[in-house]
Amino acid sequence: MRGRDATEKETSVTDDGRTTWVLIDGENIDATLGSSILGRRPQPDERPRWDRILAFLAAQWNQQTRGLFFLNASTNLPMSFIQALLALGYQPIPLSGDADEKVVDIAIQRTLQTLRDRAGDVVLVSHDGDFVDDLATLADGRRLGVLGFTEFRNAGFGDIPGIQFFDLEYDVHAFDAQLPRVRIIPIDEFDPAQFVR
């Protein structure tokens, strides 16, 4: 995919002008994947394919998506990753601050607060309960979603009226490798062949 200015690039499905704002907490997803699921640094095929998130949500809600990818750049600016995000249609938001500041959390909270005065639906890609209150204030008739690993999602999100949940692996299929997760399996989806290899 040829890169262009991420402020212009959107994944468009309809032309009704409605937008899904996709806010990605890169630190939270990376930490959950590395520490809680794999217990080590992910291999390349175990990293999310970020473009699949925008495509999935555009198809799911049948409207254009705008991806904002928040990352902590207090110690360095990962230019190759920034350029990859731009090529995939994201607006990278590299942040810096003091060592004790959760710059990504602060920026996402401020963005959720700003979206109160703007039209559009919102999907948060994070498990972090710090965002529950700000996301809940957006439950004003617009569609809201939380996307991540179901078993690590903060339970507080479940109290937001009408919210939809999406799993990064099972719904979005954002990985090229199967992750070593333990989940509750609906009996209609149970395939014993997956467990007797």
Protein backbone atom coordinates (compact mmCIF):
# COMPACT_ATOMS: atom_id res chain seq x y z
CA MET A 1 0.00 0.00 0.00
CA ARG A 2 1.44 3.33 -1.03
CA GLY A 3 1.72 5.80 1.83
CA ARG A 4 0.17 9.27 1.82
CA ASP A 5 -0.70 11.91 4.37
CA ALA A 6 -2.63 10.14 7.13
CA THR A 7 -4.85 13.18 7.66
CA GLU A 8 -6.23 12.58 4.15
CA LYS A 9 -6.33 8.81 4.15
CA GLU A 10 -9.45 7.09 5.46
CA THR A 11 -10.85 3.64 4.98
CA SER A 12 -14.11 4.49 3.23
CA VAL A 13 -17.08 2.18 2.87
CA THR A 14 -19.98 4.59 2.47
CA ASP A 15 -20.18 8.20 1.42
CA ASP A 16 -22.64 9.36 4.10
CA GLY A 17 -19.79 11.18 5.84
CA ARG A 18 -20.12 9.41 9.19
CA THR A 19 -16.80 8.43 10.80
CA THR A 20 -15.63 5.88 13.32
CA TRP A 21 -12.79 7.30 15.39
CA VAL A 22 -10.39 4.49 16.33
CA LEU A 23 -8.17 5.35 19.31
CA ILE A 24 -5.31 2.91 19.82
CA ASP A 25 -3.48 2.63 23.14
CA GLY A 26 -0.36 1.05 21.67
CA GLU A 27 1.39 0.66 25.03
CA ASN A 28 -1.52 -1.19 26.60
CA ILE A 29 -1.96 -3.65 23.72
CA ASP A 30 1.79 -4.27 23.50
CA ALA A 31 2.15 -4.82 27.25
CA THR A 32 -0.83 -7.18 27.40
CA LEU A 33 0.42 -9.19 24.45
CA GLY A 34 4.02 -9.44 25.65
CA SER A 35 3.56 -9.80 29.41
CA SER A 36 0.17 -11.41 29.92
CA ILE A 37 -0.28 -13.60 26.84
CA LEU A 38 3.14 -14.55 25.52
CA GLY A 39 5.39 -13.90 28.51
CA ARG A 40 8.09 -12.69 26.13
CA ARG A 41 8.73 -10.32 23.25
CA PRO A 42 6.36 -11.13 20.34
CA GLN A 43 7.70 -12.65 17.14
CA PRO A 44 6.80 -10.76 13.93
CA ASP A 45 3.79 -13.00 13.17
CA GLU A 46 2.56 -12.52 16.75
CA ARG A 47 2.24 -8.75 16.38
CA PRO A 48 -1.09 -7.18 15.39
CA ARG A 49 -1.65 -6.28 11.76
CA TRP A 50 -2.89 -2.78 12.50
CA ASP A 51 -4.43 -2.27 9.05
CA ARG A 52 -6.87 -5.11 9.73
CA ILE A 53 -8.42 -3.12 12.59
CA LEU A 54 -9.41 -0.22 10.35
CA ALA A 55 -10.70 -2.54 7.63
CA PHE A 56 -12.67 -4.65 10.12
CA LEU A 57 -14.36 -1.65 11.74
CA ALA A 58 -15.12 0.00 8.39
CA ALA A 59 -16.90 -3.18 7.31
CA GLN A 60 -18.52 -3.80 10.71
CA TRP A 61 -20.17 -0.38 10.96
CA ASN A 62 -20.26 0.35 7.22
CA GLN A 63 -18.57 3.74 7.40
CA GLN A 64 -15.17 5.38 7.12
CA THR A 65 -12.60 4.98 9.88
CA ARG A 66 -9.98 7.38 11.18
CA GLY A 67 -7.21 5.78 13.20
CA LEU A 68 -5.30 7.67 15.90
CA PHE A 69 -2.34 5.69 17.24
CA PHE A 70 -1.00 7.01 20.56
CA LEU A 71 2.54 6.10 21.62
CA ASN A 72 5.02 7.16 24.25
CA ALA A 73 8.02 8.77 22.56
CA SER A 74 9.60 10.23 25.71
CA THR A 75 12.87 8.38 25.14
CA ASN A 76 12.94 7.98 21.37
CA LEU A 77 10.90 8.48 18.21
CA PRO A 78 10.55 5.13 16.38
CA MET A 79 10.59 6.56 12.84
CA SER A 80 10.26 3.24 11.00
CA PHE A 81 7.12 2.40 13.01
CA ILE A 82 5.75 5.93 12.52
CA GLN A 83 6.22 5.63 8.76
CA ALA A 84 4.57 2.21 8.73
CA LEU A 85 1.56 3.62 10.62
CA LEU A 86 1.28 6.50 8.15
CA ALA A 87 1.36 4.06 5.24
CA LEU A 88 -1.47 2.07 6.87
CA GLY A 89 -3.68 5.12 7.21
CA TYR A 90 -3.14 5.97 10.88
CA GLN A 91 -2.32 9.32 12.36
CA PRO A 92 0.57 8.57 14.75
CA ILE A 93 0.52 10.65 17.92
CA PRO A 94 3.98 10.41 19.56
CA LEU A 95 3.94 11.92 23.04
CA SER A 96 6.51 12.88 25.64
CA GLY A 97 6.42 13.92 29.27
CA ASP A 98 7.99 13.41 32.66
CA ALA A 99 8.85 9.87 33.72
CA ASP A 100 5.92 9.73 36.14
CA GLU A 101 3.34 10.95 33.57
CA LYS A 102 1.17 8.43 31.73
CA VAL A 103 1.30 10.50 28.56
CA VAL A 104 -0.65 8.05 26.40
CA ASP A 105 -3.47 7.80 28.95
CA ILE A 106 -3.63 11.57 29.35
CA ALA A 107 -3.78 12.11 25.58
CA ILE A 108 -6.48 9.47 25.03
CA GLN A 109 -8.57 10.90 27.87
CA ARG A 110 -8.30 14.39 26.38
CA THR A 111 -9.22 13.05 22.94
CA LEU A 112 -12.30 11.26 24.30
CA GLN A 113 -13.33 14.50 26.01
CA THR A 114 -12.85 16.45 22.77
CA LEU A 115 -14.97 13.94 20.83
CA ARG A 116 -17.99 14.82 23.02
CA ASP A 117 -18.44 17.92 20.83
CA ARG A 118 -17.90 16.14 17.53
CA ALA A 119 -20.02 13.74 15.52
CA GLY A 120 -18.89 10.20 14.94
CA ASP A 121 -18.70 6.82 16.56
CA VAL A 122 -15.75 5.74 18.72
CA VAL A 123 -13.81 2.51 19.20
CA LEU A 124 -11.15 2.35 21.89
CA VAL A 125 -8.40 -0.22 21.41
CA SER A 126 -7.30 -0.77 25.01
CA HIS A 127 -8.12 -2.74 28.15
CA ASP A 128 -7.41 0.15 30.53
CA GLY A 129 -10.10 1.07 33.05
CA ASP A 130 -8.74 4.64 33.19
CA PHE A 131 -10.86 5.35 30.09
CA VAL A 132 -14.21 4.00 31.32
CA ASP A 133 -15.60 7.32 32.59
CA ASP A 134 -14.61 9.36 29.53
CA LEU A 135 -15.92 6.71 27.12
CA ALA A 136 -19.17 6.48 29.10
CA THR A 137 -19.84 10.20 28.58
CA LEU A 138 -19.95 9.48 24.83
CA ALA A 139 -22.91 7.09 25.25
CA ASP A 140 -25.28 9.68 23.80
CA GLY A 141 -26.71 7.67 20.90
CA ARG A 142 -23.51 7.19 18.94
CA ARG A 143 -21.99 3.72 18.55
CA LEU A 144 -19.19 2.88 20.98
CA GLY A 145 -16.84 -0.07 21.00
CA VAL A 146 -13.88 -1.50 22.89
CA LEU A 147 -11.46 -3.73 21.04
CA GLY A 148 -8.70 -5.85 22.58
CA PHE A 149 -8.24 -9.21 24.25
CA THR A 150 -11.57 -10.09 25.86
CA GLU A 151 -10.14 -11.73 28.97
CA PHE A 152 -8.07 -8.65 29.87
CA ARG A 153 -10.73 -5.98 29.25
CA ASN A 154 -11.61 -3.90 32.30
CA ALA A 155 -15.03 -4.97 33.60
CA GLY A 156 -16.10 -1.34 33.96
CA PHE A 157 -16.62 -1.05 30.21
CA GLY A 158 -19.54 -3.47 30.53
CA ASP A 159 -21.56 -0.79 32.38
CA ILE A 160 -21.57 1.56 29.38
CA PRO A 161 -25.00 1.39 27.68
CA GLY A 162 -24.99 -0.08 24.18
CA ILE A 163 -21.25 -0.66 23.99
CA GLN A 164 -19.98 -3.34 21.60
CA PHE A 165 -16.95 -5.52 22.25
CA PHE A 166 -14.56 -6.88 19.65
CA ASP A 167 -11.70 -9.33 20.15
CA LEU A 168 -8.44 -8.48 18.42
CA GLU A 169 -7.67 -12.09 17.55
CA TYR A 170 -11.03 -13.85 17.24
CA ASP A 171 -13.12 -11.09 15.62
CA VAL A 172 -10.57 -8.95 13.79
CA HIS A 173 -8.14 -11.80 12.93
CA ALA A 174 -5.32 -9.30 13.43
CA PHE A 175 -2.59 -11.93 13.86
CA ASP A 176 -0.87 -14.27 11.42
CA ALA A 177 -0.17 -16.80 14.21
CA GLN A 178 -2.53 -18.31 16.76
CA LEU A 179 -1.84 -16.88 20.20
CA PRO A 180 -1.57 -19.13 23.29
CA ARG A 181 -4.76 -17.83 24.93
CA VAL A 182 -7.21 -19.63 27.16
CA ARG A 183 -10.80 -18.61 26.55
CA ILE A 184 -14.33 -19.78 27.18
CA ILE A 185 -15.45 -21.60 24.06
CA PRO A 186 -19.13 -21.64 23.06
CA ILE A 187 -19.98 -25.31 22.48
CA ASP A 188 -21.07 -24.57 18.90
CA GLU A 189 -17.51 -23.35 18.18
CA PHE A 190 -15.70 -26.19 19.95
CA ASP A 191 -13.37 -28.09 17.62
CA PRO A 192 -11.59 -30.95 19.41
CA ALA A 193 -9.06 -31.16 16.58
CA GLN A 194 -7.50 -27.95 17.90
CA PHE A 195 -6.66 -29.71 21.17
CA VAL A 196 -5.55 -33.18 20.00
CA ARG A 197 -2.74 -32.22 17.64
